Amino acid sequence: MGLLIGTRDGVFRAATVPLEDPDQVLDSGDTLRVRSFPDADGVFAATKSGLYRSRDEGRTWENLAVPQEEVYSVVASPDGERLYAGTHPAHLYVSTDDGATWDELEGFQDLPSRDEWHTPRHRNEAHVRSLDVHPAAPDRVIAGVEVGGVHVSDDRGESWTERRDGVHDDVHHVFVLGPDSYIASTGDGLYRTEDVGQSWSRLDTDLDHRYFREAFELDGRLYAAAARSSPGTWSGENGADAILVESTDTGETFDERSYPGGPAEVVLAWTAVDGEVVAGTNDGRLIRHEADGTWADAGHVPASIRSLTANLG
């Protein structure tokens, strides 16, 4: 199984891990998410120049013409009949005809906190940075907004309920562990809910790093990484001054691990390839979790890694 790598310069394709001569297959600029879904045809790239799909394992791509150009997130319903796209500014769109046309889910704009979703560093606007659906709750859509919190719909995106109390509103990613259980990675902490976001518990209280981008889980082990502070601080002598942590009790406790590139480089993306976790850093480095529990260098691409997905034959 190979790998698609979303970077600040587009998408790269690699047939093997460790990487051997990865090819750039999409010149899309900043690519926030590359994802595939069990019942949706193809692989998708959510980028600042549009939402793209490839039906040939990442070799060629088509732009699906979402009404807003900057697409930050994408998810397909478990039956493959609905495709959702989250954008900047923070709007949410759905396609029921395989990406041919799009309708705005206007209920998303009716959330009580909508007027608060903005920050100067994002042009005084916000974006839908994370979208997901769990197959055990197929009508439930989970959206994470940077900056705006977590919100949940139980009717396939038509109406929404805020789930932002108790979680920091600078949401980078919501990892769905189960239909009711999520891990939210934010600009100020790592949070978990077991009740669809009605309450949140903070997982990073024993850590001294607060800036999280994404978490990942495989075979009962939770992986996360954090920088000391936000990206504007990563260019100094110590770089990101980052940590990589693992937990076998869903975040109740964490063990810190050393890794290639650390602590100057911070892990921003995760996936699994052939049963092993791989991760990508802000310096374009790929690392792989080895059978003995250590992390090994697995190659480089020439741009910061933003997202990873393994789906190639």
Protein backbone atom coordinates (compact mmCIF):
# COMPACT_ATOMS: atom_id res chain seq x y z
CA MET A 1 0.00 0.00 0.00
CA GLY A 2 1.29 3.45 -0.89
CA LEU A 3 0.74 6.97 0.32
CA LEU A 4 -0.65 10.34 -0.71
CA ILE A 5 0.95 13.33 1.02
CA GLY A 6 -0.78 16.69 1.24
CA THR A 7 1.71 19.54 1.60
CA ARG A 8 1.89 23.32 1.40
CA ASP A 9 2.85 22.88 -2.26
CA GLY A 10 0.24 20.32 -3.33
CA VAL A 11 -0.03 16.52 -3.28
CA PHE A 12 2.78 14.00 -3.61
CA ARG A 13 2.36 10.30 -4.34
CA ALA A 14 4.64 7.53 -3.07
CA ALA A 15 4.38 3.84 -3.83
CA THR A 16 6.35 2.72 -0.79
CA VAL A 17 7.26 3.72 2.76
CA PRO A 18 10.09 4.59 3.33
CA LEU A 19 9.69 7.05 0.49
CA GLU A 20 11.45 6.43 -2.81
CA ASP A 21 11.26 9.30 -5.31
CA PRO A 22 7.79 10.62 -4.43
CA ASP A 23 6.10 12.33 -7.38
CA GLN A 24 4.13 15.58 -7.18
CA VAL A 25 0.77 14.67 -8.70
CA LEU A 26 -1.28 17.79 -7.91
CA ASP A 27 -0.05 21.38 -8.05
CA SER A 28 -2.83 22.73 -5.81
CA GLY A 29 -0.91 24.89 -3.39
CA ASP A 30 -1.66 24.51 0.30
CA THR A 31 -3.44 21.17 0.80
CA LEU A 32 -5.15 20.87 4.17
CA ARG A 33 -6.61 17.36 3.84
CA VAL A 34 -6.14 14.29 1.66
CA ARG A 35 -8.75 11.64 2.43
CA SER A 36 -10.46 8.54 1.10
CA PHE A 37 -13.71 6.93 2.29
CA PRO A 38 -14.89 3.30 2.14
CA ASP A 39 -18.04 3.95 0.10
CA ALA A 40 -17.05 7.01 -1.94
CA ASP A 41 -15.26 6.64 -5.24
CA GLY A 42 -11.76 8.03 -5.35
CA VAL A 43 -9.51 10.06 -3.09
CA PHE A 44 -10.09 13.73 -2.23
CA ALA A 45 -7.77 16.69 -1.66
CA ALA A 46 -9.14 19.73 0.19
CA THR A 47 -6.93 22.65 -0.80
CA LYS A 48 -6.87 26.44 -0.85
CA SER A 49 -7.40 26.27 -4.62
CA GLY A 50 -10.42 23.93 -4.51
CA LEU A 51 -11.62 20.42 -3.74
CA TYR A 52 -10.06 17.84 -6.04
CA ARG A 53 -10.81 14.16 -6.64
CA SER A 54 -8.72 11.43 -8.17
CA ARG A 55 -10.28 8.20 -9.41
CA ASP A 56 -6.95 6.58 -10.32
CA GLU A 57 -5.15 6.42 -6.96
CA GLY A 58 -3.80 9.94 -7.15
CA ARG A 59 -2.36 9.98 -10.65
CA THR A 60 -4.80 12.51 -12.17
CA TRP A 61 -7.23 14.96 -10.53
CA GLU A 62 -10.39 16.94 -11.25
CA ASN A 63 -11.62 20.08 -9.49
CA LEU A 64 -15.13 19.53 -8.08
CA ALA A 65 -15.98 23.25 -8.17
CA VAL A 66 -17.17 23.86 -4.61
CA PRO A 67 -18.75 27.37 -4.52
CA GLN A 68 -16.01 28.68 -2.20
CA GLU A 69 -12.51 28.22 -3.62
CA GLU A 70 -10.68 27.58 -0.34
CA VAL A 71 -11.70 24.12 0.85
CA TYR A 72 -10.30 23.05 4.20
CA SER A 73 -12.14 19.80 4.92
CA VAL A 74 -14.11 17.01 3.27
CA VAL A 75 -16.06 13.94 4.35
CA ALA A 76 -18.41 11.43 2.71
CA SER A 77 -21.46 9.90 4.34
CA PRO A 78 -21.08 6.20 5.18
CA ASP A 79 -23.37 5.22 2.29
CA GLY A 80 -21.35 7.35 -0.14
CA GLU A 81 -24.45 9.29 -1.23
CA ARG A 82 -23.50 12.64 0.33
CA LEU A 83 -20.24 14.52 0.07
CA TYR A 84 -19.61 17.42 2.46
CA ALA A 85 -17.06 20.23 2.00
CA GLY A 86 -16.04 22.83 4.58
CA THR A 87 -14.53 26.09 3.42
CA HIS A 88 -12.93 29.42 4.25
CA PRO A 89 -14.83 31.58 5.03
CA ALA A 90 -16.70 29.13 7.26
CA HIS A 91 -19.45 27.66 5.08
CA LEU A 92 -20.57 24.08 4.64
CA TYR A 93 -21.70 22.53 1.36
CA VAL A 94 -23.18 19.18 0.37
CA SER A 95 -23.33 17.31 -2.92
CA THR A 96 -25.81 14.50 -3.52
CA ASP A 97 -24.75 13.87 -7.13
CA ASP A 98 -21.15 12.73 -6.74
CA GLY A 99 -19.70 16.22 -6.67
CA ALA A 100 -21.39 17.50 -9.82
CA THR A 101 -23.36 20.23 -7.98
CA TRP A 102 -23.30 21.71 -4.48
CA ASP A 103 -25.87 23.18 -2.10
CA GLU A 104 -25.06 25.24 0.97
CA LEU A 105 -26.19 23.83 4.30
CA GLU A 106 -27.61 27.12 5.50
CA GLY A 107 -28.47 25.83 8.97
CA PHE A 108 -24.74 25.92 9.73
CA GLN A 109 -24.89 29.72 9.49
CA ASP A 110 -27.70 29.86 12.09
CA LEU A 111 -25.60 28.67 15.03
CA PRO A 112 -25.80 31.19 17.91
CA SER A 113 -22.05 31.79 18.03
CA ARG A 114 -21.67 32.32 14.27
CA ASP A 115 -20.85 36.02 14.56
CA GLU A 116 -17.96 35.18 16.90
CA TRP A 117 -16.12 33.00 14.37
CA HIS A 118 -13.22 35.20 13.33
CA THR A 119 -9.63 35.98 14.15
CA PRO A 120 -7.20 38.59 12.78
CA ARG A 121 -4.69 35.95 11.66
CA HIS A 122 -7.27 34.46 9.27
CA ARG A 123 -8.40 37.71 7.61
CA ASN A 124 -10.90 38.24 10.44
CA GLU A 125 -12.75 35.14 9.25
CA ALA A 126 -12.87 31.43 10.17
CA HIS A 127 -12.89 28.11 8.34
CA VAL A 128 -14.37 24.63 8.72
CA ARG A 129 -11.09 22.85 9.32
CA SER A 130 -12.42 19.40 10.29
CA LEU A 131 -15.36 17.25 9.18
CA ASP A 132 -16.20 13.67 10.03
CA VAL A 133 -19.00 11.09 10.20
CA HIS A 134 -18.94 7.77 12.06
CA PRO A 135 -20.57 4.74 10.36
CA ALA A 136 -22.45 3.84 13.55
CA ALA A 137 -24.17 7.26 13.46
CA PRO A 138 -24.50 7.86 9.70
CA ASP A 139 -26.73 10.96 9.93
CA ARG A 140 -24.44 12.74 12.40
CA VAL A 141 -21.89 15.21 11.02
CA ILE A 142 -19.16 16.63 13.27
CA ALA A 143 -17.58 19.96 12.32
CA GLY A 144 -14.56 21.66 13.87
CA VAL A 145 -14.16 25.37 13.19
CA GLU A 146 -10.97 27.43 13.42
CA VAL A 147 -11.83 29.70 15.22
CA GLY A 148 -15.35 28.69 16.33
CA GLY A 149 -15.43 25.41 18.26
CA VAL A 150 -17.10 22.05 17.65
CA HIS A 151 -20.64 21.67 16.26
CA VAL A 152 -22.80 18.62 15.59
CA SER A 153 -25.69 17.86 13.25
CA ASP A 154 -27.92 14.79 13.66
CA ASP A 155 -29.86 15.28 10.42
CA ARG A 156 -27.12 15.13 7.78
CA GLY A 157 -26.16 18.77 8.12
CA GLU A 158 -29.54 20.42 7.89
CA SER A 159 -29.63 21.74 11.49
CA TRP A 160 -26.85 22.12 14.03
CA THR A 161 -26.16 22.15 17.77
CA GLU A 162 -23.16 23.84 19.39
CA ARG A 163 -20.80 21.56 21.29
CA ARG A 164 -18.20 24.24 22.05
CA ASP A 165 -18.61 24.62 25.82
CA GLY A 166 -15.57 23.17 27.59
CA VAL A 167 -13.32 22.94 24.52
CA HIS A 168 -11.01 25.64 23.20
CA ASP A 169 -12.53 27.34 20.14
CA ASP A 170 -9.36 27.21 18.00
CA VAL A 171 -10.17 23.75 16.64
CA HIS A 172 -7.68 22.20 14.22
CA HIS A 173 -8.99 18.63 14.04
CA VAL A 174 -11.65 16.36 15.54
CA PHE A 175 -10.68 12.69 15.52
CA VAL A 176 -13.74 10.46 15.77
CA LEU A 177 -13.08 7.42 17.96
CA GLY A 178 -16.72 6.27 17.99
CA PRO A 179 -20.22 7.61 17.37
CA ASP A 180 -20.17 9.57 20.66
CA SER A 181 -16.44 9.78 21.41
CA TYR A 182 -14.07 12.36 19.86
CA ILE A 183 -10.61 13.84 20.41
CA ALA A 184 -10.29 17.55 19.59
CA SER A 185 -6.85 18.98 18.80
CA THR A 186 -6.78 22.73 19.37
CA GLY A 187 -4.44 25.69 19.57
CA ASP A 188 -4.66 25.45 23.34
CA GLY A 189 -4.97 21.84 24.43
CA LEU A 190 -6.13 18.32 23.63
CA TYR A 191 -9.71 17.45 24.64
CA ARG A 192 -11.92 14.36 24.74
CA THR A 193 -15.67 13.89 24.81
CA GLU A 194 -17.65 10.70 25.40
CA ASP A 195 -21.10 12.26 24.96
CA VAL A 196 -21.07 13.90 21.50
CA GLY A 197 -19.46 17.05 22.87
CA GLN A 198 -21.99 17.81 25.59
CA SER A 199 -19.02 17.75 27.98
CA TRP A 200 -15.27 17.78 27.41
CA SER A 201 -12.28 16.72 29.50
CA ARG A 202 -8.80 18.10 28.94
CA LEU A 203 -6.12 15.47 28.28
CA ASP A 204 -2.93 17.55 28.25
CA THR A 205 -2.94 18.79 31.85
CA ASP A 206 0.30 16.90 32.64
CA LEU A 207 2.08 18.15 29.51
CA ASP A 208 3.80 21.51 29.09
CA HIS A 209 3.01 21.87 25.38
CA ARG A 210 -0.36 23.23 24.29
CA TYR A 211 -0.46 23.62 20.49
CA PHE A 212 -1.98 20.44 18.95
CA ARG A 213 -2.80 19.92 15.26
CA GLU A 214 -4.08 16.34 14.98
CA ALA A 215 -4.42 13.10 16.94
CA PHE A 216 -4.61 9.52 15.67
CA GLU A 217 -5.54 6.11 17.04
CA LEU A 218 -4.60 2.61 15.93
CA ASP A 219 -5.04 -0.71 17.75
CA GLY A 220 -5.92 0.97 21.03
CA ARG A 221 -2.95 3.36 21.04
CA LEU A 222 -3.53 7.12 20.81
CA TYR A 223 -0.88 9.28 19.15
CA ALA A 224 -0.58 13.05 19.45
CA ALA A 225 2.01 15.77 19.01
CA ALA A 226 2.27 19.34 20.19
CA ALA A 227 4.46 22.38 19.74
CA ARG A 228 5.36 24.75 22.52
CA SER A 229 3.39 27.51 20.81
CA SER A 230 1.81 28.53 17.48
CA PRO A 231 3.59 28.37 14.08
CA GLY A 232 4.86 31.94 14.27
CA THR A 233 7.37 30.75 16.88
CA TRP A 234 8.74 27.76 14.93
CA SER A 235 11.49 29.57 13.02
CA GLY A 236 13.72 30.31 16.01
CA GLU A 237 16.78 28.44 17.24
CA ASN A 238 14.70 25.68 18.86
CA GLY A 239 12.24 25.34 15.99
CA ALA A 240 8.83 24.11 17.13
CA ASP A 241 10.24 22.76 20.44
CA ALA A 242 7.77 19.91 20.01
CA ILE A 243 6.82 16.63 21.67
CA LEU A 244 5.34 13.36 20.40
CA VAL A 245 3.27 11.39 22.90
CA GLU A 246 1.50 8.03 22.99
CA SER A 247 -1.26 6.71 25.23
CA THR A 248 -2.72 3.26 25.77
CA ASP A 249 -5.61 4.51 27.94
CA THR A 250 -7.30 6.96 25.52
CA GLY A 251 -5.35 9.91 26.82
CA GLU A 252 -5.65 9.42 30.58
CA THR A 253 -1.83 9.21 30.65
CA PHE A 254 0.83 9.87 28.02
CA ASP A 255 4.39 8.69 27.41
CA GLU A 256 6.72 11.03 25.54
CA ARG A 257 8.73 9.49 22.68
CA SER A 258 11.83 10.64 20.84
CA TYR A 259 11.55 10.84 17.05
CA PRO A 260 13.60 11.86 14.00
CA GLY A 261 13.48 15.63 13.55
CA GLY A 262 12.30 16.29 17.08
CA PRO A 263 12.04 18.50 18.97
CA ALA A 264 12.70 21.15 16.30
CA GLU A 265 10.08 19.66 13.96
CA VAL A 266 6.46 19.04 14.96
CA VAL A 267 4.22 16.25 13.67
CA LEU A 268 1.17 17.67 11.85
CA ALA A 269 -0.35 14.59 10.17
CA TRP A 270 -0.87 10.86 10.74
CA THR A 271 -2.06 7.74 8.95
CA ALA A 272 -1.39 3.99 8.89
CA VAL A 273 0.42 2.11 6.12
CA ASP A 274 0.47 -1.69 6.19
CA GLY A 275 -0.53 -1.70 9.85
CA GLU A 276 2.15 0.75 10.97
CA VAL A 277 1.60 4.39 11.95
CA VAL A 278 3.36 6.98 9.82
CA ALA A 279 3.49 10.72 10.53
CA GLY A 280 4.58 13.87 8.73
CA THR A 281 6.28 16.98 10.09
CA ASN A 282 6.31 20.68 9.30
CA ASP A 283 9.73 20.20 7.63
CA GLY A 284 8.47 17.61 5.12
CA ARG A 285 9.86 14.65 7.02
CA LEU A 286 8.01 11.33 7.14
CA ILE A 287 8.55 9.11 10.19
CA ARG A 288 7.36 5.57 10.84
CA HIS A 289 6.50 3.72 14.06
CA GLU A 290 8.60 0.57 14.16
CA ALA A 291 7.65 -2.82 15.60
CA ASP A 292 9.98 -2.26 18.56
CA GLY A 293 8.15 0.94 19.51
CA THR A 294 10.75 3.39 18.22
CA TRP A 295 10.31 5.97 15.46
CA ALA A 296 12.43 5.89 12.30
CA ASP A 297 13.03 8.35 9.47
CA ALA A 298 11.01 7.33 6.39
CA GLY A 299 11.99 9.98 3.84
CA HIS A 300 11.26 13.57 2.84
CA VAL A 301 9.15 15.69 0.53
CA PRO A 302 10.15 19.29 -0.31
CA ALA A 303 7.35 21.03 1.64
CA SER A 304 5.64 20.99 5.01
CA ILE A 305 3.36 17.94 5.36
CA ARG A 306 -0.25 18.87 6.15
CA SER A 307 -2.12 15.58 5.69
CA LEU A 308 -1.57 11.90 4.89
CA THR A 309 -3.73 9.11 3.55
CA ALA A 310 -2.86 5.57 2.54
CA ASN A 311 -5.08 4.12 -0.16
CA LEU A 312 -2.94 3.02 -3.07
CA GLY A 313 -2.77 -0.47 -4.41
